[in-house]
Amino acid sequence: MNINVHHVHGKRIAEVISDKPVLTNAAEGLELLMNLYYQDFDRIILHEKDISPDFFYLKTGLAGEVLQKFSNYRVSLAIVGHFENMPGDSLHDFIRESNRSGHIHFVASTAEAIGRLS
């Protein structure tokens, strides 16, 4: 796993780059969050490909558990991917509501993620 650091308007944004999933369970989500948080990042970009598909099946509870940790630590998160083809009205409603809240963002590109987090 590598971290690309984006500097925008005086803000540091960590973009996680990996060739294998970095978030497959809640413990890994917390470990990733804490690792970056203690490196003074409060804005993080993850890519859909690096997250377990279970995250996107809301019935598993993985998304809720992980995103609650981000909220508790006041760390903003952008997840880059193609979500329109994912099944489930509940997921699409969840994504829409998350994007409205301003803390968790589901976006189509890294450039959009940086824009939302800066």
Protein backbone atom coordinates (compact mmCIF):
# COMPACT_ATOMS: atom_id res chain seq x y z
CA MET A 1 0.00 0.00 0.00
CA ASN A 2 1.20 3.48 -0.87
CA ILE A 3 -0.12 6.90 0.05
CA ASN A 4 -0.27 9.70 -2.51
CA VAL A 5 -0.43 13.03 -0.73
CA HIS A 6 -2.41 15.80 -2.40
CA HIS A 7 -1.90 19.37 -1.16
CA VAL A 8 -4.88 21.57 -1.95
CA HIS A 9 -5.71 24.94 -0.36
CA GLY A 10 -3.46 24.18 2.59
CA LYS A 11 -5.11 20.80 3.18
CA ARG A 12 -3.37 17.42 3.05
CA ILE A 13 -5.38 14.63 1.46
CA ALA A 14 -4.21 11.00 1.61
CA GLU A 15 -5.03 8.85 -1.41
CA VAL A 16 -4.58 5.16 -0.67
CA ILE A 17 -3.06 3.26 -3.61
CA SER A 18 -2.93 -0.51 -3.38
CA ASP A 19 -2.77 -3.57 -5.59
CA LYS A 20 -4.86 -5.57 -3.10
CA PRO A 21 -7.90 -4.77 -0.95
CA VAL A 22 -7.09 -2.68 2.12
CA LEU A 23 -10.54 -2.77 3.69
CA THR A 24 -12.12 -6.22 3.98
CA ASN A 25 -13.43 -5.99 7.55
CA ALA A 26 -14.11 -3.42 10.25
CA ALA A 27 -10.79 -4.00 12.00
CA GLU A 28 -8.85 -3.20 8.82
CA GLY A 29 -10.98 -0.10 8.33
CA LEU A 30 -10.15 1.11 11.83
CA GLU A 31 -6.46 0.27 11.41
CA LEU A 32 -6.29 2.20 8.13
CA LEU A 33 -8.13 5.15 9.66
CA MET A 34 -5.89 5.26 12.73
CA ASN A 35 -2.70 4.86 10.69
CA LEU A 36 -3.58 7.86 8.53
CA TYR A 37 -5.11 9.87 11.37
CA TYR A 38 -1.87 9.67 13.35
CA GLN A 39 -0.01 10.89 10.28
CA ASP A 40 -2.18 14.05 10.52
CA PHE A 41 -4.57 13.22 7.70
CA ASP A 42 -8.21 14.12 8.20
CA ARG A 43 -9.15 13.63 4.55
CA ILE A 44 -8.78 10.25 2.84
CA ILE A 45 -9.47 8.88 -0.64
CA LEU A 46 -10.10 5.17 -1.15
CA HIS A 47 -10.84 3.38 -4.41
CA GLU A 48 -13.75 0.97 -4.77
CA LYS A 49 -11.43 -1.78 -6.02
CA ASP A 50 -9.57 -1.67 -2.71
CA ILE A 51 -12.70 -2.25 -0.63
CA SER A 52 -14.40 -5.60 -0.07
CA PRO A 53 -17.65 -6.03 -2.03
CA ASP A 54 -19.26 -6.78 1.36
CA PHE A 55 -18.91 -3.07 2.16
CA PHE A 56 -21.41 -2.28 -0.60
CA TYR A 57 -23.97 -4.86 0.61
CA LEU A 58 -25.45 -2.81 3.40
CA LYS A 59 -26.96 -5.85 5.13
CA THR A 60 -23.46 -6.93 6.21
CA GLY A 61 -23.14 -3.80 8.35
CA LEU A 62 -19.53 -3.28 7.26
CA ALA A 63 -20.15 0.12 5.66
CA GLY A 64 -22.05 1.41 8.67
CA GLU A 65 -19.43 0.21 11.12
CA VAL A 66 -16.48 1.63 9.18
CA LEU A 67 -18.11 4.93 8.27
CA GLN A 68 -19.16 5.46 11.89
CA LYS A 69 -15.48 5.31 12.86
CA PHE A 70 -14.64 7.96 10.24
CA SER A 71 -17.44 10.14 11.63
CA ASN A 72 -16.31 9.65 15.23
CA TYR A 73 -12.78 10.81 14.36
CA ARG A 74 -14.09 13.56 12.07
CA VAL A 75 -12.13 12.23 9.12
CA SER A 76 -13.69 12.93 5.73
CA LEU A 77 -13.69 10.10 3.23
CA ALA A 78 -14.16 9.96 -0.52
CA ILE A 79 -14.65 6.61 -2.22
CA VAL A 80 -13.87 6.63 -5.95
CA GLY A 81 -15.72 4.16 -8.12
CA HIS A 82 -18.62 3.37 -10.41
CA PHE A 83 -21.62 2.92 -8.17
CA GLU A 84 -24.48 3.40 -10.60
CA ASN A 85 -24.29 -0.24 -11.74
CA MET A 86 -24.27 -1.70 -8.24
CA PRO A 87 -27.50 -3.44 -7.34
CA GLY A 88 -29.83 -2.27 -4.63
CA ASP A 89 -32.02 0.74 -4.10
CA SER A 90 -30.87 0.87 -0.48
CA LEU A 91 -27.25 1.31 -1.57
CA HIS A 92 -28.16 4.07 -4.01
CA ASP A 93 -30.20 5.83 -1.32
CA PHE A 94 -27.28 5.46 1.10
CA ILE A 95 -24.85 6.93 -1.45
CA ARG A 96 -27.18 9.84 -2.22
CA GLU A 97 -27.66 10.61 1.49
CA SER A 98 -23.92 10.31 2.21
CA ASN A 99 -23.08 12.70 -0.62
CA ARG A 100 -25.60 15.20 0.79
CA SER A 101 -24.14 15.06 4.31
CA GLY A 102 -20.77 16.42 3.20
CA HIS A 103 -18.61 14.08 5.29
CA ILE A 104 -18.59 10.86 3.23
CA HIS A 105 -18.49 11.12 -0.56
CA PHE A 106 -19.01 8.54 -3.30
CA VAL A 107 -17.52 9.98 -6.48
CA ALA A 108 -16.52 8.94 -10.01
CA SER A 109 -12.94 10.23 -10.14
CA THR A 110 -9.95 11.16 -8.02
CA ALA A 111 -10.22 14.76 -9.25
CA GLU A 112 -13.82 14.90 -7.99
CA ALA A 113 -12.72 13.37 -4.66
CA ILE A 114 -10.02 16.01 -4.22
CA GLY A 115 -12.52 18.73 -5.05
CA ARG A 116 -15.03 17.47 -2.48
CA LEU A 117 -12.41 17.05 0.24
CA SER A 118 -10.62 20.38 -0.22
